[in-house]
N, C-alpha and C. Protein backbone atom coordinates (compact mmCIF):
# COMPACT_ATOMS: atom_id res chain seq x y z
N MET A 1 -19.30 4.92 22.38
CA MET A 1 -18.44 6.08 22.51
C MET A 1 -17.26 6.10 21.36
N THR A 2 -17.23 7.16 20.57
CA THR A 2 -16.62 7.04 19.64
C THR A 2 -14.95 7.76 20.07
N SER A 3 -13.87 7.03 19.85
CA SER A 3 -12.52 7.83 20.54
C SER A 3 -11.85 7.92 19.04
N TYR A 4 -10.86 8.79 19.26
CA TYR A 4 -9.87 9.13 18.16
C TYR A 4 -8.45 9.29 18.51
N SER A 5 -7.71 9.17 17.61
CA SER A 5 -6.27 9.75 18.04
C SER A 5 -5.83 10.32 16.64
N ILE A 6 -4.60 10.91 16.76
CA ILE A 6 -3.80 11.63 15.62
C ILE A 6 -2.53 10.88 15.62
N LEU A 7 -2.43 10.33 14.43
CA LEU A 7 -0.73 9.87 14.12
C LEU A 7 -0.17 10.70 13.30
N LYS A 8 1.13 11.00 13.54
CA LYS A 8 1.85 12.02 12.63
C LYS A 8 2.67 11.14 11.83
N THR A 9 2.73 11.14 10.51
CA THR A 9 3.58 10.30 9.60
C THR A 9 3.96 11.46 8.60
N PRO A 10 5.20 10.63 7.80
CA PRO A 10 5.87 11.19 6.83
C PRO A 10 4.80 11.66 5.54
N LEU A 11 3.38 11.13 5.63
CA LEU A 11 2.51 11.45 4.66
C LEU A 11 1.63 12.41 4.99
N ASP A 12 1.76 13.00 6.50
CA ASP A 12 0.71 13.95 6.95
C ASP A 12 0.21 13.07 8.20
N GLU A 13 -0.56 14.01 8.75
CA GLU A 13 -1.38 13.28 9.84
C GLU A 13 -2.42 12.52 9.50
N ILE A 14 -2.75 11.42 10.30
CA ILE A 14 -3.70 10.52 10.07
C ILE A 14 -4.35 10.31 11.39
N ILE A 15 -5.80 10.48 10.87
CA ILE A 15 -6.75 10.23 12.13
C ILE A 15 -7.43 9.05 12.25
N LEU A 16 -7.10 8.31 13.32
CA LEU A 16 -7.93 7.04 13.82
C LEU A 16 -8.80 7.17 14.51
N VAL A 17 -9.84 6.62 14.23
CA VAL A 17 -11.29 6.35 14.76
C VAL A 17 -11.91 5.11 15.22
N ALA A 18 -12.28 4.77 16.41
CA ALA A 18 -12.66 3.64 17.00
C ALA A 18 -13.92 3.85 17.75
N ASN A 19 -14.71 2.49 17.90
CA ASN A 19 -15.67 2.62 18.91
C ASN A 19 -15.00 1.79 19.96
N GLU A 20 -15.79 1.42 20.84
CA GLU A 20 -15.17 0.63 21.89
C GLU A 20 -14.24 -0.86 21.47
N THR A 21 -14.60 -1.42 20.59
CA THR A 21 -13.96 -2.61 20.20
C THR A 21 -13.46 -2.86 18.60
N GLU A 22 -13.62 -1.75 17.82
CA GLU A 22 -13.46 -2.01 16.41
C GLU A 22 -12.98 -0.51 15.74
N LEU A 23 -11.83 -0.67 14.81
CA LEU A 23 -11.55 0.43 14.20
C LEU A 23 -12.65 0.92 13.21
N THR A 24 -12.99 2.07 13.39
CA THR A 24 -14.05 2.72 12.28
C THR A 24 -13.54 3.43 11.11
N GLY A 25 -12.36 4.02 11.22
CA GLY A 25 -11.97 5.05 10.38
C GLY A 25 -10.59 5.14 10.45
N LEU A 26 -10.02 5.52 9.29
CA LEU A 26 -8.53 6.11 9.36
C LEU A 26 -8.39 7.01 7.97
N TYR A 27 -8.14 8.21 8.28
CA TYR A 27 -8.12 9.21 7.45
C TYR A 27 -6.98 10.04 7.44
N PHE A 28 -6.41 10.34 6.24
CA PHE A 28 -5.30 11.52 6.04
C PHE A 28 -6.09 12.82 6.39
N THR A 29 -5.33 13.69 6.93
CA THR A 29 -5.83 15.10 7.48
C THR A 29 -6.38 15.63 5.98
N GLY A 30 -7.61 16.43 5.92
CA GLY A 30 -8.09 16.98 4.59
C GLY A 30 -8.44 15.89 3.70
N GLN A 31 -8.33 14.71 3.96
CA GLN A 31 -8.73 13.89 2.65
C GLN A 31 -10.29 13.93 2.34
N SER A 32 -10.51 13.59 1.19
CA SER A 32 -12.00 13.57 0.63
C SER A 32 -12.62 12.57 1.49
N HIS A 33 -13.84 13.18 1.62
CA HIS A 33 -14.85 12.10 2.63
C HIS A 33 -14.62 12.04 3.82
N ALA A 34 -13.74 12.34 4.43
CA ALA A 34 -13.21 12.39 5.82
C ALA A 34 -14.41 12.93 6.82
N PRO A 35 -14.90 12.41 7.75
CA PRO A 35 -15.88 12.93 8.63
C PRO A 35 -15.37 14.03 9.55
N VAL A 36 -16.39 15.00 10.02
CA VAL A 36 -15.97 16.28 10.70
C VAL A 36 -15.86 15.60 12.00
N MET A 37 -14.85 15.81 12.76
CA MET A 37 -14.79 15.41 14.29
C MET A 37 -15.99 15.87 14.79
N ARG A 38 -16.52 15.05 15.62
CA ARG A 38 -17.93 15.54 16.45
C ARG A 38 -17.62 15.86 17.97
N SER A 39 -18.16 16.85 18.52
CA SER A 39 -18.00 17.21 19.83
C SER A 39 -18.22 16.08 20.75
N ASP A 40 -18.84 15.03 20.72
CA ASP A 40 -18.94 14.14 21.52
C ASP A 40 -17.91 12.86 21.15
N TRP A 41 -16.83 12.86 20.32
CA TRP A 41 -15.71 12.43 19.93
C TRP A 41 -14.69 12.58 21.14
N LEU A 42 -14.10 11.36 21.55
CA LEU A 42 -12.98 11.60 22.67
C LEU A 42 -11.85 11.29 22.22
N LEU A 43 -10.90 12.47 22.27
CA LEU A 43 -9.53 12.27 21.96
C LEU A 43 -8.86 11.25 22.89
N ASN A 44 -8.49 10.13 22.51
CA ASN A 44 -7.93 9.21 23.51
C ASN A 44 -6.90 8.20 22.95
N PRO A 45 -5.79 8.75 22.83
CA PRO A 45 -4.74 7.63 22.00
C PRO A 45 -4.36 6.56 22.94
N ARG A 46 -4.73 6.37 24.11
CA ARG A 46 -4.60 5.14 25.13
C ARG A 46 -5.49 4.25 24.86
N GLN A 47 -6.52 4.54 23.97
CA GLN A 47 -7.62 3.33 23.70
C GLN A 47 -7.19 2.13 23.05
N ALA A 48 -7.26 0.95 23.27
CA ALA A 48 -6.50 -0.34 23.04
C ALA A 48 -6.88 -0.19 21.54
N ILE A 49 -7.82 -0.34 20.88
CA ILE A 49 -7.68 -0.38 19.17
C ILE A 49 -7.17 0.65 18.67
N LEU A 50 -7.31 1.82 19.18
CA LEU A 50 -6.26 3.07 18.49
C LEU A 50 -4.83 2.77 18.75
N ARG A 51 -4.37 2.20 19.97
CA ARG A 51 -3.10 1.85 20.14
C ARG A 51 -2.56 0.76 19.19
N GLN A 52 -3.59 -0.10 18.97
CA GLN A 52 -2.86 -1.33 17.95
C GLN A 52 -2.67 -0.80 16.90
N ALA A 53 -4.11 0.05 16.30
CA ALA A 53 -3.76 0.44 15.05
C ALA A 53 -2.68 1.52 14.56
N ARG A 54 -2.34 2.40 15.60
CA ARG A 54 -1.31 3.47 15.46
C ARG A 54 0.10 2.47 15.24
N ASP A 55 0.00 1.58 16.09
CA ASP A 55 1.39 0.64 16.19
C ASP A 55 1.67 0.01 14.74
N GLN A 56 0.69 -0.71 14.14
CA GLN A 56 0.39 -1.47 13.11
C GLN A 56 0.53 -0.44 11.82
N VAL A 57 -0.12 0.47 11.81
CA VAL A 57 0.10 1.53 10.53
C VAL A 57 1.48 2.06 10.76
N GLU A 58 2.18 2.55 11.76
CA GLU A 58 3.67 2.70 11.72
C GLU A 58 4.60 1.59 11.40
N GLU A 59 4.25 0.46 11.69
CA GLU A 59 5.09 -0.66 11.19
C GLU A 59 4.97 -0.76 9.62
N TYR A 60 3.77 -0.64 9.03
CA TYR A 60 3.63 -0.65 7.60
C TYR A 60 4.19 0.43 6.91
N LEU A 61 4.19 1.70 7.64
CA LEU A 61 4.63 2.77 6.97
C LEU A 61 6.43 2.71 6.83
N GLU A 62 6.80 1.90 7.91
CA GLU A 62 8.27 1.44 7.83
C GLU A 62 8.79 0.56 7.20
N GLY A 63 7.74 -0.15 6.45
CA GLY A 63 8.35 -1.32 5.76
C GLY A 63 8.18 -2.57 6.47
N ASP A 64 7.78 -2.37 7.52
CA ASP A 64 7.94 -3.76 8.34
C ASP A 64 6.81 -4.61 8.62
N ARG A 65 5.65 -3.96 7.98
CA ARG A 65 4.17 -5.12 8.11
C ARG A 65 3.68 -4.91 6.83
N ARG A 66 3.21 -6.19 6.46
CA ARG A 66 2.37 -6.35 5.14
C ARG A 66 1.19 -6.47 5.24
N THR A 67 0.41 -7.00 6.22
CA THR A 67 -0.76 -7.30 6.72
C THR A 67 -1.11 -6.51 8.03
N PHE A 68 -2.60 -6.45 8.13
CA PHE A 68 -3.19 -5.82 9.51
C PHE A 68 -3.87 -6.83 10.20
N SER A 69 -4.02 -6.71 11.20
CA SER A 69 -4.83 -7.71 12.19
C SER A 69 -5.77 -6.92 13.32
N LEU A 70 -6.62 -6.15 12.75
CA LEU A 70 -7.31 -5.36 13.69
C LEU A 70 -8.73 -5.62 13.52
N PRO A 71 -9.57 -5.63 14.53
CA PRO A 71 -11.01 -5.81 14.35
C PRO A 71 -11.68 -4.17 13.71
N LEU A 72 -12.29 -4.64 12.72
CA LEU A 72 -12.86 -3.18 11.75
C LEU A 72 -14.50 -3.35 11.73
N ARG A 73 -14.92 -2.10 11.70
CA ARG A 73 -16.17 -2.01 11.44
C ARG A 73 -16.48 -1.25 10.10
N PHE A 74 -17.09 -1.81 9.25
CA PHE A 74 -17.67 -1.28 8.02
C PHE A 74 -18.94 -0.48 8.26
N ASP A 75 -19.07 0.80 7.83
CA ASP A 75 -20.32 0.87 7.69
C ASP A 75 -20.80 1.78 6.37
N GLY A 76 -21.41 0.85 5.56
CA GLY A 76 -21.75 1.21 4.25
C GLY A 76 -22.97 0.41 3.79
N THR A 77 -23.35 0.62 2.45
CA THR A 77 -24.32 -0.19 1.77
C THR A 77 -23.71 -1.76 1.54
N ASP A 78 -24.53 -2.26 1.00
CA ASP A 78 -24.12 -3.91 0.96
C ASP A 78 -23.13 -3.89 -0.04
N PHE A 79 -23.33 -3.00 -1.21
CA PHE A 79 -22.21 -3.06 -2.36
C PHE A 79 -21.11 -2.59 -2.06
N GLN A 80 -21.22 -1.28 -1.15
CA GLN A 80 -19.78 -0.77 -0.60
C GLN A 80 -19.00 -1.64 0.19
N GLU A 81 -19.87 -2.52 1.00
CA GLU A 81 -19.04 -3.55 1.86
C GLU A 81 -18.57 -4.45 1.12
N ARG A 82 -19.08 -5.24 -0.11
CA ARG A 82 -18.60 -5.93 -0.65
C ARG A 82 -17.31 -5.68 -1.60
N VAL A 83 -17.21 -4.44 -2.09
CA VAL A 83 -16.27 -3.85 -2.51
C VAL A 83 -14.92 -3.62 -1.50
N TRP A 84 -15.53 -3.06 -0.32
CA TRP A 84 -14.30 -2.82 0.55
C TRP A 84 -13.70 -4.44 0.83
N ARG A 85 -14.72 -5.42 1.14
CA ARG A 85 -14.10 -6.83 1.36
C ARG A 85 -13.12 -7.08 0.26
N GLU A 86 -13.44 -6.95 -0.87
CA GLU A 86 -12.58 -7.46 -2.02
C GLU A 86 -11.56 -6.57 -2.20
N ILE A 87 -11.37 -5.35 -1.76
CA ILE A 87 -10.00 -4.45 -1.58
C ILE A 87 -9.24 -5.06 -0.68
N ALA A 88 -9.72 -5.60 0.61
CA ALA A 88 -8.89 -6.15 1.62
C ALA A 88 -8.27 -7.16 1.27
N VAL A 89 -8.59 -8.09 0.11
CA VAL A 89 -7.69 -9.25 0.04
C VAL A 89 -6.79 -8.90 -1.13
N ILE A 90 -6.83 -7.64 -1.68
CA ILE A 90 -5.44 -7.57 -2.79
C ILE A 90 -4.27 -7.70 -1.96
N PRO A 91 -3.40 -8.55 -2.32
CA PRO A 91 -2.20 -8.77 -1.83
C PRO A 91 -1.31 -7.54 -1.74
N TYR A 92 -0.39 -7.36 -0.78
CA TYR A 92 0.38 -6.39 -0.63
C TYR A 92 1.61 -6.30 -1.86
N GLY A 93 1.65 -5.30 -2.25
CA GLY A 93 2.44 -5.20 -3.65
C GLY A 93 1.74 -5.12 -4.79
N GLU A 94 0.68 -5.78 -4.93
CA GLU A 94 -0.07 -5.93 -6.19
C GLU A 94 -1.26 -4.81 -6.34
N THR A 95 -1.62 -4.68 -7.52
CA THR A 95 -2.63 -3.77 -7.91
C THR A 95 -3.74 -4.54 -8.58
N ILE A 96 -4.89 -3.93 -8.72
CA ILE A 96 -6.10 -4.43 -9.73
C ILE A 96 -6.79 -3.35 -10.19
N THR A 97 -7.40 -3.59 -11.38
CA THR A 97 -8.01 -2.29 -11.68
C THR A 97 -9.47 -2.24 -11.30
N TYR A 98 -10.12 -1.06 -11.47
CA TYR A 98 -11.64 -0.89 -11.03
C TYR A 98 -12.47 -1.76 -11.75
N SER A 99 -12.09 -2.30 -12.88
CA SER A 99 -12.99 -3.05 -13.64
C SER A 99 -12.79 -4.59 -13.07
N GLU A 100 -11.74 -4.95 -12.72
CA GLU A 100 -11.54 -6.27 -12.06
C GLU A 100 -12.25 -6.05 -10.55
N LEU A 101 -12.19 -5.01 -9.93
CA LEU A 101 -12.62 -4.79 -8.80
C LEU A 101 -14.32 -5.16 -8.65
N ALA A 102 -14.84 -4.29 -9.69
CA ALA A 102 -16.30 -4.80 -9.95
C ALA A 102 -16.40 -5.84 -10.24
N GLN A 103 -15.81 -6.72 -10.96
CA GLN A 103 -16.15 -8.23 -11.21
C GLN A 103 -15.98 -8.98 -9.98
N ARG A 104 -15.03 -8.70 -9.17
CA ARG A 104 -14.81 -9.58 -7.88
C ARG A 104 -15.89 -9.30 -7.05
N ALA A 105 -16.72 -8.12 -7.17
CA ALA A 105 -17.52 -7.67 -6.17
C ALA A 105 -18.81 -8.21 -6.70
N GLY A 106 -18.94 -8.90 -7.83
CA GLY A 106 -20.33 -9.32 -8.34
C GLY A 106 -20.98 -8.82 -9.11
N ALA A 107 -20.44 -7.54 -9.55
CA ALA A 107 -21.34 -6.38 -10.59
C ALA A 107 -20.13 -5.83 -11.58
N PRO A 108 -19.96 -6.81 -12.50
CA PRO A 108 -18.98 -6.17 -13.63
C PRO A 108 -19.29 -5.20 -14.36
N ASP A 109 -20.73 -4.70 -14.53
CA ASP A 109 -21.09 -3.44 -14.90
C ASP A 109 -21.18 -2.59 -14.32
N ALA A 110 -20.74 -2.37 -13.01
CA ALA A 110 -20.83 -1.36 -12.06
C ALA A 110 -19.54 -0.68 -11.69
N VAL A 111 -18.63 -0.54 -12.63
CA VAL A 111 -17.37 -0.10 -12.65
C VAL A 111 -17.27 1.30 -12.06
N ARG A 112 -18.14 2.12 -12.16
CA ARG A 112 -18.24 3.40 -11.85
C ARG A 112 -18.52 3.45 -10.15
N ALA A 113 -19.64 2.51 -10.04
CA ALA A 113 -20.00 2.50 -8.73
C ALA A 113 -19.02 1.95 -7.80
N ALA A 114 -18.03 0.79 -8.25
CA ALA A 114 -17.00 0.27 -7.60
C ALA A 114 -15.94 1.47 -7.28
N GLY A 115 -15.70 2.26 -8.00
CA GLY A 115 -14.74 3.29 -8.08
C GLY A 115 -15.49 4.29 -6.93
N ALA A 116 -16.62 4.45 -7.11
CA ALA A 116 -17.26 5.56 -5.90
C ALA A 116 -17.33 4.89 -4.51
N ALA A 117 -17.27 3.60 -4.50
CA ALA A 117 -17.62 2.72 -3.18
C ALA A 117 -16.01 3.05 -2.77
N THR A 118 -14.91 2.81 -3.68
CA THR A 118 -13.58 2.82 -3.25
C THR A 118 -13.35 4.19 -2.72
N GLY A 119 -13.76 5.04 -3.36
CA GLY A 119 -13.44 6.49 -2.58
C GLY A 119 -14.16 6.81 -1.37
N ARG A 120 -14.97 5.84 -0.84
CA ARG A 120 -15.96 6.05 0.40
C ARG A 120 -15.34 5.42 1.31
N ASN A 121 -14.15 4.60 1.10
CA ASN A 121 -13.65 3.43 2.00
C ASN A 121 -13.16 4.40 3.41
N ARG A 122 -13.64 3.96 4.52
CA ARG A 122 -13.45 4.64 5.58
C ARG A 122 -12.33 4.22 6.34
N ILE A 123 -11.59 3.18 5.89
CA ILE A 123 -10.32 2.62 6.65
C ILE A 123 -9.33 2.59 5.63
N GLY A 124 -9.03 3.83 5.29
CA GLY A 124 -7.84 3.57 4.29
C GLY A 124 -6.33 3.02 4.87
N ILE A 125 -5.42 2.53 4.03
CA ILE A 125 -4.41 1.95 4.25
C ILE A 125 -4.58 0.45 4.64
N ILE A 126 -5.49 0.26 5.64
CA ILE A 126 -5.82 -1.21 6.16
C ILE A 126 -6.60 -1.82 4.99
N ILE A 127 -7.79 -1.04 4.72
CA ILE A 127 -8.48 -1.39 3.52
C ILE A 127 -7.78 -0.67 2.34
N PRO A 128 -6.78 -1.37 1.74
CA PRO A 128 -5.83 -0.92 0.70
C PRO A 128 -6.31 -0.35 -0.55
N CYS A 129 -7.26 0.59 -0.62
CA CYS A 129 -7.86 1.11 -1.81
C CYS A 129 -6.79 1.61 -2.80
N HIS A 130 -5.56 2.16 -2.22
CA HIS A 130 -4.37 2.69 -3.17
C HIS A 130 -4.16 1.57 -3.99
N ARG A 131 -4.27 0.35 -3.75
CA ARG A 131 -4.10 -1.14 -4.74
C ARG A 131 -4.85 -0.97 -5.88
N VAL A 132 -5.86 -0.03 -5.96
CA VAL A 132 -6.81 -0.27 -7.25
C VAL A 132 -6.22 1.09 -8.06
N VAL A 133 -6.30 0.74 -9.44
CA VAL A 133 -5.75 1.41 -10.24
C VAL A 133 -6.56 1.61 -11.75
N GLY A 134 -6.40 2.71 -12.39
CA GLY A 134 -6.95 2.57 -13.92
C GLY A 134 -6.88 1.66 -14.79
N LYS A 135 -7.76 1.51 -15.82
CA LYS A 135 -7.77 0.26 -16.75
C LYS A 135 -6.30 0.11 -17.26
N ASP A 136 -5.55 1.22 -17.38
CA ASP A 136 -4.17 1.14 -18.07
C ASP A 136 -3.07 1.02 -17.16
N GLY A 137 -3.52 0.93 -15.94
CA GLY A 137 -2.48 0.82 -14.70
C GLY A 137 -2.17 2.19 -14.32
N THR A 138 -2.82 3.19 -14.78
CA THR A 138 -2.58 4.79 -14.32
C THR A 138 -2.99 4.66 -12.77
N LEU A 139 -2.58 5.84 -12.17
CA LEU A 139 -2.82 6.13 -10.74
C LEU A 139 -4.18 7.09 -10.95
N THR A 140 -5.34 6.68 -10.43
CA THR A 140 -6.48 7.51 -10.62
C THR A 140 -7.26 7.40 -9.05
N GLY A 141 -8.05 8.26 -8.87
CA GLY A 141 -8.84 8.53 -7.93
C GLY A 141 -8.41 7.89 -6.63
N TYR A 142 -7.86 8.68 -5.78
CA TYR A 142 -7.62 8.18 -4.10
C TYR A 142 -7.82 9.42 -3.39
N ALA A 143 -8.69 9.29 -2.38
CA ALA A 143 -9.48 10.24 -1.71
C ALA A 143 -8.09 10.85 -0.83
N GLY A 144 -6.95 10.24 -0.49
CA GLY A 144 -6.09 10.78 0.40
C GLY A 144 -5.04 11.74 -0.86
N GLY A 145 -5.46 11.55 -1.98
CA GLY A 145 -4.51 12.28 -2.91
C GLY A 145 -3.49 11.35 -3.64
N LEU A 146 -3.21 11.64 -4.90
CA LEU A 146 -2.43 10.75 -5.78
C LEU A 146 -0.95 10.81 -5.37
N PRO A 147 -0.20 11.97 -4.75
CA PRO A 147 0.84 11.66 -4.16
C PRO A 147 1.08 10.41 -2.97
N ARG A 148 -0.04 10.65 -2.09
CA ARG A 148 0.14 9.36 -1.07
C ARG A 148 -0.11 8.11 -1.87
N LYS A 149 -1.26 8.22 -2.78
CA LYS A 149 -1.46 6.81 -3.39
C LYS A 149 0.01 6.00 -3.91
N ARG A 150 0.83 7.07 -4.70
CA ARG A 150 1.91 6.88 -5.18
C ARG A 150 3.16 6.57 -4.28
N HIS A 151 3.11 7.05 -3.06
CA HIS A 151 4.04 6.69 -2.32
C HIS A 151 3.77 5.49 -1.42
N LEU A 152 2.44 5.18 -1.12
CA LEU A 152 1.99 3.92 -0.52
C LEU A 152 2.25 2.80 -1.54
N LEU A 153 2.14 2.92 -2.90
CA LEU A 153 2.64 1.71 -3.70
C LEU A 153 3.95 1.64 -4.06
N GLU A 154 4.87 2.69 -4.04
CA GLU A 154 6.36 2.68 -4.15
C GLU A 154 6.93 2.07 -2.66
N LEU A 155 6.16 2.37 -1.71
CA LEU A 155 6.52 1.59 -0.43
C LEU A 155 6.54 0.10 -0.47
N GLU A 156 5.24 -0.45 -1.04
CA GLU A 156 5.11 -1.88 -1.37
C GLU A 156 6.03 -2.28 -2.24
N GLN A 157 6.19 -1.51 -3.11
CA GLN A 157 7.38 -2.25 -4.12
C GLN A 157 9.07 -2.12 -3.69
N GLY A 158 9.35 -1.54 -2.51
CA GLY A 158 10.53 -1.33 -2.14
C GLY A 158 11.18 -0.16 -2.56
N ILE A 159 10.36 0.75 -3.10
CA ILE A 159 11.12 1.99 -3.62
C ILE A 159 11.03 3.22 -3.01
N LYS A 160 11.88 3.92 -2.61
CA LYS A 160 11.94 5.07 -1.76
C LYS A 160 11.60 5.95 -2.40
N SER A 161 10.55 6.80 -1.68
CA SER A 161 9.86 7.75 -2.20
C SER A 161 9.83 8.98 -1.19
N LEU A 162 10.10 10.34 -1.97
CA LEU A 162 9.96 11.48 -1.47
C LEU A 162 8.87 12.16 -1.59
N ILE A 163 8.18 12.14 -0.09
CA ILE A 163 6.95 12.90 -0.48
C ILE A 163 6.98 14.12 0.55
């Protein structure tokens, strides 16, 4: 059974999605590639994984958490999952380029594919795709929108942001 809850944050509402044992999604309201909520999904903010995710995301957004410890479920192609696993190990407060991400995922010539996989990340913030930037360090390509990407990066740098 798929359960979901809605977390209100300064960045907008976040939809958390989980099966019985794993977090399967974290999406900003209205972000690109977010799934349409299905009629068989259960609004259940008390579900254990959703409560843990809510608490950890709130702590992160308050600047009190740097890593997450949640069971996650990836659902993508082998390449997408390799990309997402590489994104997951980018340290807090650091960024890498899409080129570097493609290399780390074992496909140095697949920069655009790595970018596309990044955009399809279903577990934003926790799989910190906001830490992937353009070749020259510019902020590009964030399904949640560039203002949110900027805010998350500034949060990790200790910069107060007004969003």
